[in-house]
């Protein structure tokens, strides 16, 4: 199963995990220092719902929570 919304096409995106040490300057420290950066994935919030297709049959599709909330898939 691919992690893609079948209505809007939203899929995984990439980003970074940034690890910092130290105390911030506004709290009286000498500032934050970056000690490590590693890659990570942001996955969409997918839900499996049953919808009626054009022929009147029930079908299961994976849609994101935003499409479900906005009513783009008639249940």
N, C-alpha and C. Protein backbone atom coordinates (compact mmCIF):
# COMPACT_ATOMS: atom_id res chain seq x y z
N UNK A 1 0.83 -1.17 0.00
CA UNK A 1 0.00 0.00 0.00
C UNK A 1 0.88 1.25 0.00
N UNK A 2 0.72 2.09 -1.00
CA UNK A 2 1.51 3.31 -1.03
C UNK A 2 0.89 4.34 -0.11
N UNK A 3 1.70 5.20 0.45
CA UNK A 3 1.24 6.19 1.41
C UNK A 3 0.87 7.47 0.68
N UNK A 4 -0.14 7.38 -0.20
CA UNK A 4 -0.59 8.52 -1.00
C UNK A 4 -2.10 8.61 -0.91
N UNK A 5 -2.62 9.83 -0.73
CA UNK A 5 -4.06 10.05 -0.72
C UNK A 5 -4.60 9.86 -2.13
N UNK A 6 -5.68 9.09 -2.26
CA UNK A 6 -6.22 8.79 -3.58
C UNK A 6 -7.05 9.93 -4.15
N UNK A 7 -7.32 10.97 -3.37
CA UNK A 7 -8.10 12.10 -3.87
C UNK A 7 -7.19 13.27 -4.24
N UNK A 8 -6.38 13.73 -3.27
CA UNK A 8 -5.56 14.91 -3.53
C UNK A 8 -4.13 14.58 -3.93
N UNK A 9 -3.67 13.34 -3.72
CA UNK A 9 -2.32 12.96 -4.11
C UNK A 9 -1.25 13.31 -3.10
N UNK A 10 -1.65 13.69 -1.89
CA UNK A 10 -0.67 14.03 -0.86
C UNK A 10 0.12 12.79 -0.49
N UNK A 11 1.45 12.93 -0.42
CA UNK A 11 2.31 11.81 -0.09
C UNK A 11 3.36 12.19 0.93
N UNK A 12 4.32 11.32 1.19
CA UNK A 12 5.36 11.62 2.16
C UNK A 12 6.25 12.77 1.70
N UNK A 13 6.72 13.56 2.67
CA UNK A 13 7.69 14.60 2.38
C UNK A 13 8.88 14.39 3.31
N UNK A 14 9.98 15.05 3.00
CA UNK A 14 11.19 14.82 3.77
C UNK A 14 11.58 16.06 4.55
N UNK A 15 12.38 15.85 5.57
CA UNK A 15 12.86 16.94 6.40
C UNK A 15 14.04 16.48 7.22
N UNK A 16 14.34 17.23 8.25
CA UNK A 16 15.50 16.94 9.09
C UNK A 16 15.11 16.87 10.55
N UNK A 17 15.84 16.06 11.30
CA UNK A 17 15.80 16.07 12.76
C UNK A 17 17.07 16.79 13.19
N UNK A 18 16.90 17.91 13.89
CA UNK A 18 18.05 18.71 14.31
C UNK A 18 18.21 18.56 15.82
N UNK A 19 19.35 18.08 16.25
CA UNK A 19 19.65 17.89 17.67
C UNK A 19 20.52 19.05 18.11
N UNK A 20 20.07 19.71 19.18
CA UNK A 20 20.81 20.86 19.69
C UNK A 20 21.14 20.65 21.17
N UNK A 21 22.21 21.25 21.63
CA UNK A 21 22.56 21.22 23.05
C UNK A 21 22.87 22.62 23.51
N UNK A 22 22.80 22.81 24.78
CA UNK A 22 23.07 24.12 25.36
C UNK A 22 21.80 24.78 25.85
N UNK A 23 21.94 25.95 26.42
CA UNK A 23 20.83 26.71 26.95
C UNK A 23 20.63 27.96 26.09
N UNK A 24 19.39 28.31 25.77
CA UNK A 24 19.17 29.49 24.92
C UNK A 24 19.67 30.78 25.57
N UNK A 25 19.98 31.76 24.74
CA UNK A 25 20.50 33.02 25.25
C UNK A 25 19.47 33.76 26.10
N UNK A 26 18.18 33.67 25.68
CA UNK A 26 17.17 34.41 26.44
C UNK A 26 16.93 33.83 27.83
N UNK A 27 17.45 32.62 28.08
CA UNK A 27 17.37 32.03 29.41
C UNK A 27 18.69 32.19 30.18
N UNK A 28 19.63 32.94 29.62
CA UNK A 28 20.87 33.20 30.31
C UNK A 28 22.03 32.32 29.90
N UNK A 29 21.85 31.48 28.89
CA UNK A 29 22.91 30.59 28.45
C UNK A 29 23.78 31.23 27.37
N UNK A 30 24.65 30.42 26.77
CA UNK A 30 25.54 30.93 25.73
C UNK A 30 25.00 30.64 24.34
N UNK A 31 23.81 30.03 24.26
CA UNK A 31 23.19 29.78 22.96
C UNK A 31 23.14 28.30 22.65
N UNK A 32 22.28 27.95 21.69
CA UNK A 32 22.14 26.56 21.27
C UNK A 32 23.17 26.23 20.21
N UNK A 33 23.70 25.02 20.28
CA UNK A 33 24.67 24.55 19.30
C UNK A 33 24.15 23.27 18.66
N UNK A 34 24.19 23.21 17.34
CA UNK A 34 23.74 22.04 16.61
C UNK A 34 24.78 20.94 16.71
N UNK A 35 24.33 19.74 17.15
CA UNK A 35 25.27 18.64 17.29
C UNK A 35 25.00 17.51 16.31
N UNK A 36 23.86 17.53 15.64
CA UNK A 36 23.58 16.47 14.69
C UNK A 36 22.36 16.78 13.86
N UNK A 37 22.42 16.38 12.60
CA UNK A 37 21.29 16.52 11.68
C UNK A 37 21.12 15.20 10.96
N UNK A 38 19.92 14.63 11.01
CA UNK A 38 19.65 13.40 10.28
C UNK A 38 18.32 13.55 9.54
N UNK A 39 18.15 12.79 8.48
CA UNK A 39 16.96 12.88 7.65
C UNK A 39 15.79 12.15 8.30
N UNK A 40 14.56 12.63 8.00
CA UNK A 40 13.36 11.96 8.46
C UNK A 40 12.27 12.16 7.42
N UNK A 41 11.16 11.41 7.60
CA UNK A 41 10.03 11.51 6.67
C UNK A 41 8.79 11.97 7.43
N UNK A 42 8.05 12.88 6.82
CA UNK A 42 6.75 13.31 7.32
C UNK A 42 5.70 12.56 6.52
N UNK A 43 4.93 11.68 7.19
CA UNK A 43 3.94 10.87 6.51
C UNK A 43 2.56 11.51 6.62
N UNK A 44 1.74 11.39 5.56
CA UNK A 44 0.39 11.97 5.63
C UNK A 44 -0.50 11.17 6.57
N UNK A 45 -1.53 11.82 7.10
CA UNK A 45 -2.46 11.20 8.03
C UNK A 45 -3.55 10.50 7.20
N UNK A 46 -3.29 9.25 6.81
CA UNK A 46 -4.20 8.53 5.92
C UNK A 46 -5.20 7.70 6.71
N UNK A 47 -6.42 7.64 6.19
CA UNK A 47 -7.50 6.85 6.76
C UNK A 47 -8.11 6.00 5.65
N UNK A 48 -8.48 4.75 5.98
CA UNK A 48 -9.16 3.89 5.03
C UNK A 48 -10.66 4.04 5.25
N UNK A 49 -11.37 4.45 4.20
CA UNK A 49 -12.82 4.64 4.29
C UNK A 49 -13.49 3.89 3.16
N UNK A 50 -14.76 3.56 3.38
CA UNK A 50 -15.56 2.91 2.34
C UNK A 50 -16.43 3.96 1.67
N UNK A 51 -16.33 4.05 0.35
CA UNK A 51 -17.10 5.03 -0.41
C UNK A 51 -17.87 4.31 -1.51
N UNK A 52 -18.89 4.97 -2.01
CA UNK A 52 -19.70 4.44 -3.09
C UNK A 52 -19.12 4.94 -4.41
N UNK A 53 -18.82 4.00 -5.34
CA UNK A 53 -18.30 4.43 -6.64
C UNK A 53 -19.46 4.74 -7.59
N UNK A 54 -19.14 5.03 -8.83
CA UNK A 54 -20.16 5.45 -9.80
C UNK A 54 -21.17 4.34 -10.09
N UNK A 55 -20.75 3.09 -10.00
CA UNK A 55 -21.65 1.97 -10.27
C UNK A 55 -22.53 1.58 -9.10
N UNK A 56 -22.36 2.25 -7.95
CA UNK A 56 -23.16 1.93 -6.78
C UNK A 56 -22.54 0.87 -5.89
N UNK A 57 -21.30 0.50 -6.15
CA UNK A 57 -20.61 -0.51 -5.34
C UNK A 57 -19.76 0.16 -4.27
N UNK A 58 -19.62 -0.51 -3.14
CA UNK A 58 -18.77 0.00 -2.07
C UNK A 58 -17.32 -0.34 -2.39
N UNK A 59 -16.44 0.63 -2.16
CA UNK A 59 -15.03 0.45 -2.44
C UNK A 59 -14.22 1.09 -1.31
N UNK A 60 -13.11 0.46 -0.93
CA UNK A 60 -12.25 1.01 0.10
C UNK A 60 -11.13 1.81 -0.54
N UNK A 61 -10.94 3.04 -0.06
CA UNK A 61 -9.86 3.88 -0.55
C UNK A 61 -9.15 4.50 0.65
N UNK A 62 -7.91 4.91 0.44
CA UNK A 62 -7.13 5.59 1.47
C UNK A 62 -7.13 7.08 1.14
N UNK A 63 -7.65 7.89 2.07
CA UNK A 63 -7.66 9.33 1.88
C UNK A 63 -7.06 9.99 3.11
N UNK A 64 -6.57 11.21 2.93
CA UNK A 64 -5.98 11.93 4.05
C UNK A 64 -7.09 12.52 4.91
N UNK A 65 -6.73 12.89 6.12
CA UNK A 65 -7.72 13.39 7.08
C UNK A 65 -8.32 14.71 6.61
N UNK A 66 -7.60 15.52 5.87
CA UNK A 66 -8.13 16.79 5.39
C UNK A 66 -9.23 16.55 4.35
N UNK A 67 -9.03 15.59 3.46
CA UNK A 67 -10.07 15.27 2.47
C UNK A 67 -11.30 14.66 3.15
N UNK A 68 -11.07 13.86 4.17
CA UNK A 68 -12.17 13.25 4.91
C UNK A 68 -12.98 14.32 5.64
N UNK A 69 -12.30 15.27 6.26
CA UNK A 69 -12.97 16.31 7.02
C UNK A 69 -13.74 17.27 6.11
N UNK A 70 -13.19 17.57 4.93
CA UNK A 70 -13.85 18.51 4.03
C UNK A 70 -14.98 17.86 3.24
N UNK A 71 -15.12 16.54 3.32
CA UNK A 71 -16.23 15.87 2.65
C UNK A 71 -16.01 15.59 1.18
N UNK A 72 -14.76 15.52 0.74
CA UNK A 72 -14.46 15.25 -0.67
C UNK A 72 -14.80 13.82 -1.07
N UNK A 73 -14.85 12.92 -0.08
CA UNK A 73 -15.23 11.53 -0.35
C UNK A 73 -16.58 11.29 0.31
N UNK A 74 -17.60 11.12 -0.49
CA UNK A 74 -18.92 10.85 0.06
C UNK A 74 -18.98 9.45 0.61
N UNK A 75 -19.22 9.32 1.91
CA UNK A 75 -19.25 7.99 2.54
C UNK A 75 -20.57 7.30 2.25
